[in-house]
Amino acid sequence: MDQLSAEQRETLRALLTAKIDELRTDIASLEEAVKPIAPDCAIGRLSRMEAINSKSVNEELLRGARRRLQLVERALQRADHPQFGLCTRCGRPIPFGRLEIMPESTRCAGCT
């Protein structure tokens, strides 16, 4: 029940590889942004509170990027499997357009 053509699979592999590179770059940048803020940093009280708040936001973004990286890496591993592109819940094909936007998708829009 291989519903994706070889060309579509190759397109998805390229998208997944590019997304992995993008996420790794984002993660490296976010890891830099979440480094501890030195207490002796002379940035003023309000600026320091803003920096702490920004650090919290960046920590959540970092967690999300790491989760997404795992999903995308798993999707790349499954890309050659005949079941890749089929909904894990209902078994119907996931539309190629959805896979182009979210290549790590394992469910169709109706089952999400």
PDB file of N, CA and C in Angstrom:
ATOM      1  N   MET A   1       0.836  -1.180   0.000  1.00  0.00           N
ATOM      2  CA  MET A   1       0.000   0.000   0.000  1.00  0.00           C
ATOM      3  C   MET A   1       0.883   1.247   0.000  1.00  0.00           C
ATOM      4  N   ASP A   2       1.836   1.275  -0.928  1.00  0.00           N
ATOM      5  CA  ASP A   2       2.790   2.366  -1.056  1.00  0.00           C
ATOM      6  C   ASP A   2       2.152   3.477  -1.875  1.00  0.00           C
ATOM      7  N   GLN A   3       1.660   4.521  -1.217  1.00  0.00           N
ATOM      8  CA  GLN A   3       0.915   5.559  -1.894  1.00  0.00           C
ATOM      9  C   GLN A   3       1.776   6.730  -2.341  1.00  0.00           C
ATOM     10  N   LEU A   4       3.032   6.817  -1.914  1.00  0.00           N
ATOM     11  CA  LEU A   4       3.918   7.903  -2.319  1.00  0.00           C
ATOM     12  C   LEU A   4       4.814   7.443  -3.459  1.00  0.00           C
ATOM     13  N   SER A   5       4.971   8.296  -4.459  1.00  0.00           N
ATOM     14  CA  SER A   5       5.867   7.963  -5.566  1.00  0.00           C
ATOM     15  C   SER A   5       7.311   8.139  -5.108  1.00  0.00           C
ATOM     16  N   ALA A   6       8.230   7.593  -5.890  1.00  0.00           N
ATOM     17  CA  ALA A   6       9.657   7.721  -5.565  1.00  0.00           C
ATOM     18  C   ALA A   6      10.062   9.191  -5.552  1.00  0.00           C
ATOM     19  N   GLU A   7       9.511   9.968  -6.452  1.00  0.00           N
ATOM     20  CA  GLU A   7       9.816  11.402  -6.526  1.00  0.00           C
ATOM     21  C   GLU A   7       9.300  12.127  -5.270  1.00  0.00           C
ATOM     22  N   GLN A   8       8.097  11.777  -4.837  1.00  0.00           N
ATOM     23  CA  GLN A   8       7.539  12.390  -3.632  1.00  0.00           C
ATOM     24  C   GLN A   8       8.372  12.022  -2.398  1.00  0.00           C
ATOM     25  N   ARG A   9       8.783  10.766  -2.326  1.00  0.00           N
ATOM     26  CA  ARG A   9       9.616  10.340  -1.195  1.00  0.00           C
ATOM     27  C   ARG A   9      10.934  11.106  -1.181  1.00  0.00           C
ATOM     28  N   GLU A  10      11.515  11.294  -2.351  1.00  0.00           N
ATOM     29  CA  GLU A  10      12.771  12.032  -2.442  1.00  0.00           C
ATOM     30  C   GLU A  10      12.576  13.489  -2.030  1.00  0.00           C
ATOM     31  N   THR A  11      11.468  14.072  -2.435  1.00  0.00           N
ATOM     32  CA  THR A  11      11.141  15.448  -2.035  1.00  0.00           C
ATOM     33  C   THR A  11      11.018  15.529  -0.517  1.00  0.00           C
ATOM     34  N   LEU A  12      10.323  14.577   0.075  1.00  0.00           N
ATOM     35  CA  LEU A  12      10.143  14.571   1.532  1.00  0.00           C
ATOM     36  C   LEU A  12      11.465  14.339   2.260  1.00  0.00           C
ATOM     37  N   ARG A  13      12.306  13.460   1.721  1.00  0.00           N
ATOM     38  CA  ARG A  13      13.622  13.234   2.334  1.00  0.00           C
ATOM     39  C   ARG A  13      14.429  14.533   2.351  1.00  0.00           C
ATOM     40  N   ALA A  14      14.401  15.261   1.221  1.00  0.00           N
ATOM     41  CA  ALA A  14      15.131  16.536   1.141  1.00  0.00           C
ATOM     42  C   ALA A  14      14.558  17.551   2.127  1.00  0.00           C
ATOM     43  N   LEU A  15      13.220  17.608   2.232  1.00  0.00           N
ATOM     44  CA  LEU A  15      12.588  18.521   3.189  1.00  0.00           C
ATOM     45  C   LEU A  15      12.966  18.164   4.624  1.00  0.00           C
ATOM     46  N   LEU A  16      12.946  16.881   4.929  1.00  0.00           N
ATOM     47  CA  LEU A  16      13.294  16.430   6.276  1.00  0.00           C
ATOM     48  C   LEU A  16      14.748  16.752   6.610  1.00  0.00           C
ATOM     49  N   THR A  17      15.648  16.522   5.672  1.00  0.00           N
ATOM     50  CA  THR A  17      17.063  16.809   5.887  1.00  0.00           C
ATOM     51  C   THR A  17      17.283  18.301   6.111  1.00  0.00           C
ATOM     52  N   ALA A  18      16.613  19.123   5.296  1.00  0.00           N
ATOM     53  CA  ALA A  18      16.730  20.573   5.455  1.00  0.00           C
ATOM     54  C   ALA A  18      16.156  21.020   6.795  1.00  0.00           C
ATOM     55  N   LYS A  19      15.041  20.432   7.205  1.00  0.00           N
ATOM     56  CA  LYS A  19      14.411  20.781   8.482  1.00  0.00           C
ATOM     57  C   LYS A  19      15.320  20.385   9.647  1.00  0.00           C
ATOM     58  N   ILE A  20      15.989  19.249   9.547  1.00  0.00           N
ATOM     59  CA  ILE A  20      16.928  18.821  10.589  1.00  0.00           C
ATOM     60  C   ILE A  20      18.061  19.840  10.719  1.00  0.00           C
ATOM     61  N   ASP A  21      18.622  20.262   9.584  1.00  0.00           N
ATOM     62  CA  ASP A  21      19.697  21.258   9.622  1.00  0.00           C
ATOM     63  C   ASP A  21      19.208  22.566  10.243  1.00  0.00           C
ATOM     64  N   GLU A  22      18.011  23.003   9.853  1.00  0.00           N
ATOM     65  CA  GLU A  22      17.427  24.237  10.378  1.00  0.00           C
ATOM     66  C   GLU A  22      17.200  24.144  11.888  1.00  0.00           C
ATOM     67  N   LEU A  23      16.645  23.028  12.329  1.00  0.00           N
ATOM     68  CA  LEU A  23      16.388  22.846  13.761  1.00  0.00           C
ATOM     69  C   LEU A  23      17.679  22.792  14.565  1.00  0.00           C
ATOM     70  N   ARG A  24      18.697  22.143  14.038  1.00  0.00           N
ATOM     71  CA  ARG A  24      19.979  22.077  14.752  1.00  0.00           C
ATOM     72  C   ARG A  24      20.593  23.472  14.895  1.00  0.00           C
ATOM     73  N   THR A  25      20.459  24.288  13.857  1.00  0.00           N
ATOM     74  CA  THR A  25      20.943  25.670  13.918  1.00  0.00           C
ATOM     75  C   THR A  25      20.150  26.461  14.955  1.00  0.00           C
ATOM     76  N   ASP A  26      18.816  26.312  14.924  1.00  0.00           N
ATOM     77  CA  ASP A  26      17.958  26.997  15.897  1.00  0.00           C
ATOM     78  C   ASP A  26      18.296  26.567  17.325  1.00  0.00           C
ATOM     79  N   ILE A  27      18.505  25.274  17.524  1.00  0.00           N
ATOM     80  CA  ILE A  27      18.817  24.754  18.852  1.00  0.00           C
ATOM     81  C   ILE A  27      20.135  25.340  19.361  1.00  0.00           C
ATOM     82  N   ALA A  28      21.134  25.406  18.491  1.00  0.00           N
ATOM     83  CA  ALA A  28      22.423  25.976  18.902  1.00  0.00           C
ATOM     84  C   ALA A  28      22.255  27.438  19.321  1.00  0.00           C
ATOM     85  N   SER A  29      21.466  28.173  18.573  1.00  0.00           N
ATOM     86  CA  SER A  29      21.209  29.579  18.890  1.00  0.00           C
ATOM     87  C   SER A  29      20.440  29.720  20.208  1.00  0.00           C
ATOM     88  N   LEU A  30      19.433  28.878  20.389  1.00  0.00           N
ATOM     89  CA  LEU A  30      18.635  28.925  21.615  1.00  0.00           C
ATOM     90  C   LEU A  30      19.451  28.505  22.835  1.00  0.00           C
ATOM     91  N   GLU A  31      20.336  27.541  22.652  1.00  0.00           N
ATOM     92  CA  GLU A  31      21.192  27.120  23.773  1.00  0.00           C
ATOM     93  C   GLU A  31      22.060  28.288  24.239  1.00  0.00           C
ATOM     94  N   GLU A  32      22.475  29.106  23.305  1.00  0.00           N
ATOM     95  CA  GLU A  32      23.247  30.294  23.646  1.00  0.00           C
ATOM     96  C   GLU A  32      22.373  31.289  24.413  1.00  0.00           C
ATOM     97  N   ALA A  33      21.108  31.411  23.996  1.00  0.00           N
ATOM     98  CA  ALA A  33      20.191  32.388  24.601  1.00  0.00           C
ATOM     99  C   ALA A  33      19.718  31.995  25.997  1.00  0.00           C
ATOM    100  N   VAL A  34      19.853  30.730  26.361  1.00  0.00           N
ATOM    101  CA  VAL A  34      19.366  30.294  27.676  1.00  0.00           C
ATOM    102  C   VAL A  34      20.481  30.117  28.701  1.00  0.00           C
ATOM    103  N   LYS A  35      21.663  30.577  28.358  1.00  0.00           N
ATOM    104  CA  LYS A  35      22.757  30.502  29.328  1.00  0.00           C
ATOM    105  C   LYS A  35      22.404  31.358  30.533  1.00  0.00           C
ATOM    106  N   PRO A  36      22.890  30.980  31.704  1.00  0.00           N
ATOM    107  CA  PRO A  36      22.575  31.735  32.924  1.00  0.00           C
ATOM    108  C   PRO A  36      22.941  33.225  32.800  1.00  0.00           C
ATOM    109  N   ILE A  37      22.122  34.031  33.434  1.00  0.00           N
ATOM    110  CA  ILE A  37      22.345  35.476  33.450  1.00  0.00           C
ATOM    111  C   ILE A  37      23.127  35.799  34.715  1.00  0.00           C
ATOM    112  N   ALA A  38      24.295  36.361  34.540  1.00  0.00           N
ATOM    113  CA  ALA A  38      25.167  36.656  35.681  1.00  0.00           C
ATOM    114  C   ALA A  38      24.522  37.694  36.590  1.00  0.00           C
ATOM    115  N   PRO A  39      24.523  37.440  37.907  1.00  0.00           N
ATOM    116  CA  PRO A  39      23.906  38.390  38.837  1.00  0.00           C
ATOM    117  C   PRO A  39      24.635  39.724  38.898  1.00  0.00           C
ATOM    118  N   ASP A  40      25.912  39.737  38.560  1.00  0.00           N
ATOM    119  CA  ASP A  40      26.674  40.983  38.621  1.00  0.00           C
ATOM    120  C   ASP A  40      26.574  41.789  37.334  1.00  0.00           C
ATOM    121  N   CYS A  41      25.762  41.315  36.424  1.00  0.00           N
ATOM    122  CA  CYS A  41      25.585  42.001  35.146  1.00  0.00           C
ATOM    123  C   CYS A  41      24.878  43.341  35.399  1.00  0.00           C
ATOM    124  N   ALA A  42      25.519  44.417  35.042  1.00  0.00           N
ATOM    125  CA  ALA A  42      24.993  45.757  35.324  1.00  0.00           C
ATOM    126  C   ALA A  42      24.009  46.191  34.234  1.00  0.00           C
ATOM    127  N   ILE A  43      22.805  45.601  34.267  1.00  0.00           N
ATOM    128  CA  ILE A  43      21.823  45.960  33.251  1.00  0.00           C
ATOM    129  C   ILE A  43      20.588  46.620  33.854  1.00  0.00           C
ATOM    130  N   GLY A  44      20.610  46.869  35.142  1.00  0.00           N
ATOM    131  CA  GLY A  44      19.454  47.503  35.780  1.00  0.00           C
ATOM    132  C   GLY A  44      18.400  46.474  36.146  1.00  0.00           C
ATOM    133  N   ARG A  45      17.554  46.832  37.096  1.00  0.00           N
ATOM    134  CA  ARG A  45      16.560  45.888  37.619  1.00  0.00           C
ATOM    135  C   ARG A  45      15.547  45.463  36.564  1.00  0.00           C
ATOM    136  N   LEU A  46      14.921  46.438  35.886  1.00  0.00           N
ATOM    137  CA  LEU A  46      13.908  46.105  34.896  1.00  0.00           C
ATOM    138  C   LEU A  46      14.508  45.316  33.735  1.00  0.00           C
ATOM    139  N   SER A  47      15.650  45.759  33.253  1.00  0.00           N
ATOM    140  CA  SER A  47      16.299  45.054  32.141  1.00  0.00           C
ATOM    141  C   SER A  47      16.659  43.627  32.531  1.00  0.00           C
ATOM    142  N   ARG A  48      17.098  43.451  33.773  1.00  0.00           N
ATOM    143  CA  ARG A  48      17.441  42.105  34.251  1.00  0.00           C
ATOM    144  C   ARG A  48      16.193  41.228  34.293  1.00  0.00           C
ATOM    145  N   MET A  49      15.067  41.775  34.767  1.00  0.00           N
ATOM    146  CA  MET A  49      13.815  41.012  34.808  1.00  0.00           C
ATOM    147  C   MET A  49      13.364  40.656  33.390  1.00  0.00           C
ATOM    148  N   GLU A  50      13.530  41.564  32.470  1.00  0.00           N
ATOM    149  CA  GLU A  50      13.191  41.276  31.072  1.00  0.00           C
ATOM    150  C   GLU A  50      14.085  40.174  30.525  1.00  0.00           C
ATOM    151  N   ALA A  51      15.349  40.211  30.875  1.00  0.00           N
ATOM    152  CA  ALA A  51      16.294  39.185  30.427  1.00  0.00           C
ATOM    153  C   ALA A  51      15.918  37.818  30.990  1.00  0.00           C
ATOM    154  N   ILE A  52      15.502  37.796  32.246  1.00  0.00           N
ATOM    155  CA  ILE A  52      15.088  36.535  32.870  1.00  0.00           C
ATOM    156  C   ILE A  52      13.827  36.001  32.200  1.00  0.00           C
ATOM    157  N   ASN A  53      12.877  36.885  31.922  1.00  0.00           N
ATOM    158  CA  ASN A  53      11.651  36.475  31.236  1.00  0.00           C
ATOM    159  C   ASN A  53      11.966  35.957  29.834  1.00  0.00           C
ATOM    160  N   SER A  54      12.832  36.657  29.143  1.00  0.00           N
ATOM    161  CA  SER A  54      13.229  36.236  27.792  1.00  0.00           C
ATOM    162  C   SER A  54      13.910  34.864  27.838  1.00  0.00           C
ATOM    163  N   LYS A  55      14.714  34.640  28.867  1.00  0.00           N
ATOM    164  CA  LYS A  55      15.385  33.351  29.034  1.00  0.00           C
ATOM    165  C   LYS A  55      14.351  32.234  29.202  1.00  0.00           C
ATOM    166  N   SER A  56      13.301  32.493  29.974  1.00  0.00           N
ATOM    167  CA  SER A  56      12.244  31.490  30.171  1.00  0.00           C
ATOM    168  C   SER A  56      11.538  31.161  28.862  1.00  0.00           C
ATOM    169  N   VAL A  57      11.254  32.186  28.089  1.00  0.00           N
ATOM    170  CA  VAL A  57      10.609  31.980  26.783  1.00  0.00           C
ATOM    171  C   VAL A  57      11.528  31.158  25.889  1.00  0.00           C
ATOM    172  N   ASN A  58      12.808  31.510  25.878  1.00  0.00           N
ATOM    173  CA  ASN A  58      13.758  30.779  25.039  1.00  0.00           C
ATOM    174  C   ASN A  58      13.935  29.334  25.493  1.00  0.00           C
ATOM    175  N   GLU A  59      13.827  29.078  26.792  1.00  0.00           N
ATOM    176  CA  GLU A  59      13.917  27.696  27.293  1.00  0.00           C
ATOM    177  C   GLU A  59      12.756  26.859  26.754  1.00  0.00           C
ATOM    178  N   GLU A  60      11.566  27.435  26.721  1.00  0.00           N
ATOM    179  CA  GLU A  60      10.410  26.712  26.175  1.00  0.00           C
ATOM    180  C   GLU A  60      10.572  26.489  24.670  1.00  0.00           C
ATOM    181  N   LEU A  61      11.066  27.498  23.963  1.00  0.00           N
ATOM    182  CA  LEU A  61      11.323  27.343  22.527  1.00  0.00           C
ATOM    183  C   LEU A  61      12.364  26.254  22.287  1.00  0.00           C
ATOM    184  N   LEU A  62      13.363  26.193  23.139  1.00  0.00           N
ATOM    185  CA  LEU A  62      14.410  25.174  23.017  1.00  0.00           C
ATOM    186  C   LEU A  62      13.826  23.776  23.224  1.00  0.00           C
ATOM    187  N   ARG A  63      12.987  23.613  24.238  1.00  0.00           N
ATOM    188  CA  ARG A  63      12.339  22.304  24.467  1.00  0.00           C
ATOM    189  C   ARG A  63      11.514  21.894  23.245  1.00  0.00           C
ATOM    190  N   GLY A  64      10.764  22.836  22.704  1.00  0.00           N
ATOM    191  CA  GLY A  64       9.943  22.547  21.528  1.00  0.00           C
ATOM    192  C   GLY A  64      10.780  22.186  20.317  1.00  0.00           C
ATOM    193  N   ALA A  65      11.875  22.895  20.111  1.00  0.00           N
ATOM    194  CA  ALA A  65      12.757  22.609  18.972  1.00  0.00           C
ATOM    195  C   ALA A  65      13.397  21.237  19.111  1.00  0.00           C
ATOM    196  N   ARG A  66      13.777  20.874  20.322  1.00  0.00           N
ATOM    197  CA  ARG A  66      14.368  19.543  20.541  1.00  0.00           C
ATOM    198  C   ARG A  66      13.342  18.437  20.288  1.00  0.00           C
ATOM    199  N   ARG A  67      12.093  18.661  20.742  1.00  0.00           N
ATOM    200  CA  ARG A  67      11.028  17.668  20.477  1.00  0.00           C
ATOM    201  C   ARG A  67      10.795  17.526  18.979  1.00  0.00           C
ATOM    202  N   ARG A  68      10.700  18.653  18.297  1.00  0.00           N
ATOM    203  CA  ARG A  68      10.443  18.607  16.852  1.00  0.00           C
ATOM    204  C   ARG A  68      11.601  17.934  16.127  1.00  0.00           C
ATOM    205  N   LEU A  69      12.832  18.197  16.541  1.00  0.00           N
ATOM    206  CA  LEU A  69      13.999  17.554  15.926  1.00  0.00           C
ATOM    207  C   LEU A  69      13.885  16.038  16.039  1.00  0.00           C
ATOM    208  N   GLN A  70      13.488  15.537  17.201  1.00  0.00           N
ATOM    209  CA  GLN A  70      13.325  14.089  17.368  1.00  0.00           C
ATOM    210  C   GLN A  70      12.272  13.546  16.397  1.00  0.00           C
ATOM    211  N   LEU A  71      11.152  14.246  16.272  1.00  0.00           N
ATOM    212  CA  LEU A  71      10.088  13.804  15.366  1.00  0.00           C
ATOM    213  C   LEU A  71      10.561  13.789  13.921  1.00  0.00           C
ATOM    214  N   VAL A  72      11.274  14.829  13.525  1.00  0.00           N
ATOM    215  CA  VAL A  72      11.742  14.934  12.141  1.00  0.00           C
ATOM    216  C   VAL A  72      12.799  13.865  11.860  1.00  0.00           C
ATOM    217  N   GLU A  73      13.690  13.621  12.813  1.00  0.00           N
ATOM    218  CA  GLU A  73      14.704  12.571  12.624  1.00  0.00           C
ATOM    219  C   GLU A  73      14.043  11.198  12.489  1.00  0.00           C
ATOM    220  N   ARG A  74      13.014  10.939  13.303  1.00  0.00           N
ATOM    221  CA  ARG A  74      12.283   9.666  13.186  1.00  0.00           C
ATOM    222  C   ARG A  74      11.593   9.547  11.833  1.00  0.00           C
ATOM    223  N   ALA A  75      11.021  10.648  11.374  1.00  0.00           N
ATOM    224  CA  ALA A  75      10.347  10.637  10.077  1.00  0.00           C
ATOM    225  C   ALA A  75      11.340  10.326   8.958  1.00  0.00           C
ATOM    226  N   LEU A  76      12.535  10.875   9.033  1.00  0.00           N
ATOM    227  CA  LEU A  76      13.552  10.589   8.017  1.00  0.00           C
ATOM    228  C   LEU A  76      13.930   9.111   8.043  1.00  0.00           C
ATOM    229  N   GLN A  77      13.985   8.522   9.219  1.00  0.00           N
ATOM    230  CA  GLN A  77      14.280   7.088   9.320  1.00  0.00           C
ATOM    231  C   GLN A  77      13.174   6.244   8.696  1.00  0.00           C
ATOM    232  N   ARG A  78      11.930   6.711   8.795  1.00  0.00           N
ATOM    233  CA  ARG A  78      10.781   5.967   8.250  1.00  0.00           C
ATOM    234  C   ARG A  78      10.516   6.248   6.769  1.00  0.00           C
ATOM    235  N   ALA A  79      11.195   7.219   6.185  1.00  0.00           N
ATOM    236  CA  ALA A  79      10.870   7.693   4.835  1.00  0.00           C
ATOM    237  C   ALA A  79      10.876   6.587   3.778  1.00  0.00           C
ATOM    238  N   ASP A  80      11.673   5.550   3.950  1.00  0.00           N
ATOM    239  CA  ASP A  80      11.728   4.471   2.964  1.00  0.00           C
ATOM    240  C   ASP A  80      10.768   3.326   3.272  1.00  0.00           C
ATOM    241  N   HIS A  81      10.129   3.383   4.411  1.00  0.00           N
ATOM    242  CA  HIS A  81       9.180   2.340   4.801  1.00  0.00           C
ATOM    243  C   HIS A  81       7.900   2.481   3.979  1.00  0.00           C
ATOM    244  N   PRO A  82       7.332   1.389   3.502  1.00  0.00           N
ATOM    245  CA  PRO A  82       6.099   1.461   2.697  1.00  0.00           C
ATOM    246  C   PRO A  82       4.929   2.131   3.415  1.00  0.00           C
ATOM    247  N   GLN A  83       4.906   2.075   4.749  1.00  0.00           N
ATOM    248  CA  GLN A  83       3.806   2.683   5.495  1.00  0.00           C
ATOM    249  C   GLN A  83       3.978   4.187   5.708  1.00  0.00           C
ATOM    250  N   PHE A  84       5.141   4.717   5.337  1.00  0.00           N
ATOM    251  CA  PHE A  84       5.371   6.154   5.488  1.00  0.00           C
ATOM    252  C   PHE A  84       4.372   6.909   4.618  1.00  0.00           C
ATOM    253  N   GLY A  85       3.707   7.875   5.214  1.00  0.00           N
ATOM    254  CA  GLY A  85       2.701   8.641   4.482  1.00  0.00           C
ATOM    255  C   GLY A  85       1.289   8.122   4.682  1.00  0.00           C
ATOM    256  N   LEU A  86       1.154   7.058   5.476  1.00  0.00           N
ATOM    257  CA  LEU A  86      -0.168   6.534   5.811  1.00  0.00           C
ATOM    258  C   LEU A  86      -0.476   6.888   7.253  1.00  0.00           C
ATOM    259  N   CYS A  87      -1.717   7.257   7.510  1.00  0.00           N
ATOM    260  CA  CYS A  87      -2.147   7.632   8.859  1.00  0.00           C
ATOM    261  C   CYS A  87      -1.997   6.423   9.786  1.00  0.00           C
ATOM    262  N   THR A  88      -1.378   6.654  10.928  1.00  0.00           N
ATOM    263  CA  THR A  88      -1.180   5.564  11.885  1.00  0.00           C
ATOM    264  C   THR A  88      -2.464   5.211  12.616  1.00  0.00           C
ATOM    265  N   ARG A  89      -3.468   6.042  12.481  1.00  0.00           N
ATOM    266  CA  ARG A  89      -4.740   5.775  13.169  1.00  0.00           C
ATOM    267  C   ARG A  89      -5.748   5.104  12.243  1.00  0.00           C
ATOM    268  N   CYS A  90      -6.016   5.726  11.078  1.00  0.00           N
ATOM    269  CA  CYS A  90      -7.054   5.187  10.194  1.00  0.00           C
ATOM    270  C   CYS A  90      -6.495   4.412   8.999  1.00  0.00           C
ATOM    271  N   GLY A  91      -5.191   4.548   8.735  1.00  0.00           N
ATOM    272  CA  GLY A  91      -4.563   3.804   7.652  1.00  0.00           C
ATOM    273  C   GLY A  91      -4.703   4.438   6.269  1.00  0.00           C
ATOM    274  N   ARG A  92      -5.420   5.548   6.184  1.00  0.00           N
ATOM    275  CA  ARG A  92      -5.570   6.227   4.888  1.00  0.00           C
ATOM    276  C   ARG A  92      -4.335   7.067   4.582  1.00  0.00           C
ATOM    277  N   PRO A  93      -4.115   7.346   3.298  1.00  0.00           N
ATOM    278  CA  PRO A  93      -2.963   8.177   2.926  1.00  0.00           C
ATOM    279  C   PRO A  93      -3.074   9.589   3.503  1.00  0.00           C
ATOM    280  N   ILE A  94      -1.945  10.079   3.991  1.00  0.00           N
ATOM    281  CA  ILE A  94      -1.857  11.473   4.421  1.00  0.00           C
ATOM    282  C   ILE A  94      -1.602  12.274   3.144  1.00  0.00           C
ATOM    283  N   PRO A  95      -2.389  13.309   2.871  1.00  0.00           N
ATOM    284  CA  PRO A  95      -2.178  14.080   1.641  1.00  0.00           C
ATOM    285  C   PRO A  95      -0.738  14.582   1.530  1.00  0.00           C
ATOM    286  N   PHE A  96      -0.199  14.517   0.323  1.00  0.00           N
ATOM    287  CA  PHE A  96       1.183  14.925   0.093  1.00  0.00           C
ATOM    288  C   PHE A  96       1.404  16.374   0.513  1.00  0.00           C
ATOM    289  N   GLY A  97       0.426  17.241   0.283  1.00  0.00           N
ATOM    290  CA  GLY A  97       0.541  18.642   0.686  1.00  0.00           C
ATOM    291  C   GLY A  97       0.769  18.787   2.178  1.00  0.00           C
ATOM    292  N   ARG A  98       0.080  17.971   2.964  1.00  0.00           N
ATOM    293  CA  ARG A  98       0.276  18.009   4.427  1.00  0.00           C
ATOM    294  C   ARG A  98       1.684  17.538   4.774  1.00  0.00           C
ATOM    295  N   LEU A  99       2.147  16.491   4.101  1.00  0.00           N
ATOM    296  CA  LEU A  99       3.492  15.985   4.362  1.00  0.00           C
ATOM    297  C   LEU A  99       4.558  16.994   3.940  1.00  0.00           C
ATOM    298  N   GLU A 100       4.282  17.783   2.912  1.00  0.00           N
ATOM    299  CA  GLU A 100       5.244  18.815   2.509  1.00  0.00           C
ATOM    300  C   GLU A 100       5.376  19.884   3.590  1.00  0.00           C
ATOM    301  N   ILE A 101       4.261  20.221   4.227  1.00  0.00           N
ATOM    302  CA  ILE A 101       4.271  21.253   5.265  1.00  0.00           C
ATOM    303  C   ILE A 101       4.786  20.693   6.581  1.00  0.00           C
ATOM    304  N   MET A 102       4.319  19.492   6.923  1.00  0.00           N
ATOM    305  CA  MET A 102       4.715  18.830   8.179  1.00  0.00           C
ATOM    306  C   MET A 102       5.161  17.402   7.860  1.00  0.00           C
ATOM    307  N   PRO A 103       6.378  17.252   7.324  1.00  0.00           N
ATOM    308  CA  PRO A 103       6.818  15.910   6.896  1.00  0.00           C
ATOM    309  C   PRO A 103       6.917  14.901   8.030  1.00  0.00           C
ATOM    310  N   GLU A 104       6.892  15.366   9.273  1.00  0.00           N
ATOM    311  CA  GLU A 104       6.929  14.443  10.408  1.00  0.00           C
ATOM    312  C   GLU A 104       5.552  13.933  10.793  1.00  0.00           C
ATOM    313  N   SER A 105       4.511  14.362  10.072  1.00  0.00           N
ATOM    314  CA  SER A 105       3.136  13.940  10.380  1.00  0.00           C
ATOM    315  C   SER A 105       2.998  12.429  10.303  1.00  0.00           C
ATOM    316  N   THR A 106       2.298  11.880  11.306  1.00  0.00           N
ATOM    317  CA  THR A 106       2.015  10.438  11.294  1.00  0.00           C
ATOM    318  C   THR A 106       0.511  10.195  11.200  1.00  0.00           C
ATOM    319  N   ARG A 107      -0.274  11.280  11.242  1.00  0.00           N
ATOM    320  CA  ARG A 107      -1.734  11.156  11.143  1.00  0.00           C
ATOM    321  C   ARG A 107      -2.277  12.147  10.125  1.00  0.00           C
ATOM    322  N   CYS A 108      -3.392  11.776   9.521  1.00  0.00           N
ATOM    323  CA  CYS A 108      -4.088  12.678   8.616  1.00  0.00           C
ATOM    324  C   CYS A 108      -4.764  13.766   9.425  1.00  0.00           C
ATOM    325  N   ALA A 109      -5.216  14.807   8.757  1.00  0.00           N
ATOM    326  CA  ALA A 109      -5.854  15.940   9.450  1.00  0.00           C
ATOM    327  C   ALA A 109      -7.104  15.488  10.212  1.00  0.00           C
ATOM    328  N   GLY A 110      -7.837  14.536   9.680  1.00  0.00           N
ATOM    329  CA  GLY A 110      -9.063  14.060  10.334  1.00  0.00           C
ATOM    330  C   GLY A 110      -8.813  13.306  11.622  1.00  0.00           C
ATOM    331  N   CYS A 111      -7.634  12.729  11.773  1.00  0.00           N
ATOM    332  CA  CYS A 111      -7.317  11.935  12.964  1.00  0.00           C
ATOM    333  C   CYS A 111      -6.429  12.663  13.965  1.00  0.00           C
ATOM    334  N   THR A 112      -6.073  13.871  13.671  1.00  0.00           N
ATOM    335  CA  THR A 112      -5.187  14.615  14.569  1.00  0.00           C
ATOM    336  C   THR A 112      -5.882  15.092  15.799  1.00  0.00           C
TER     337      THR A 112
END
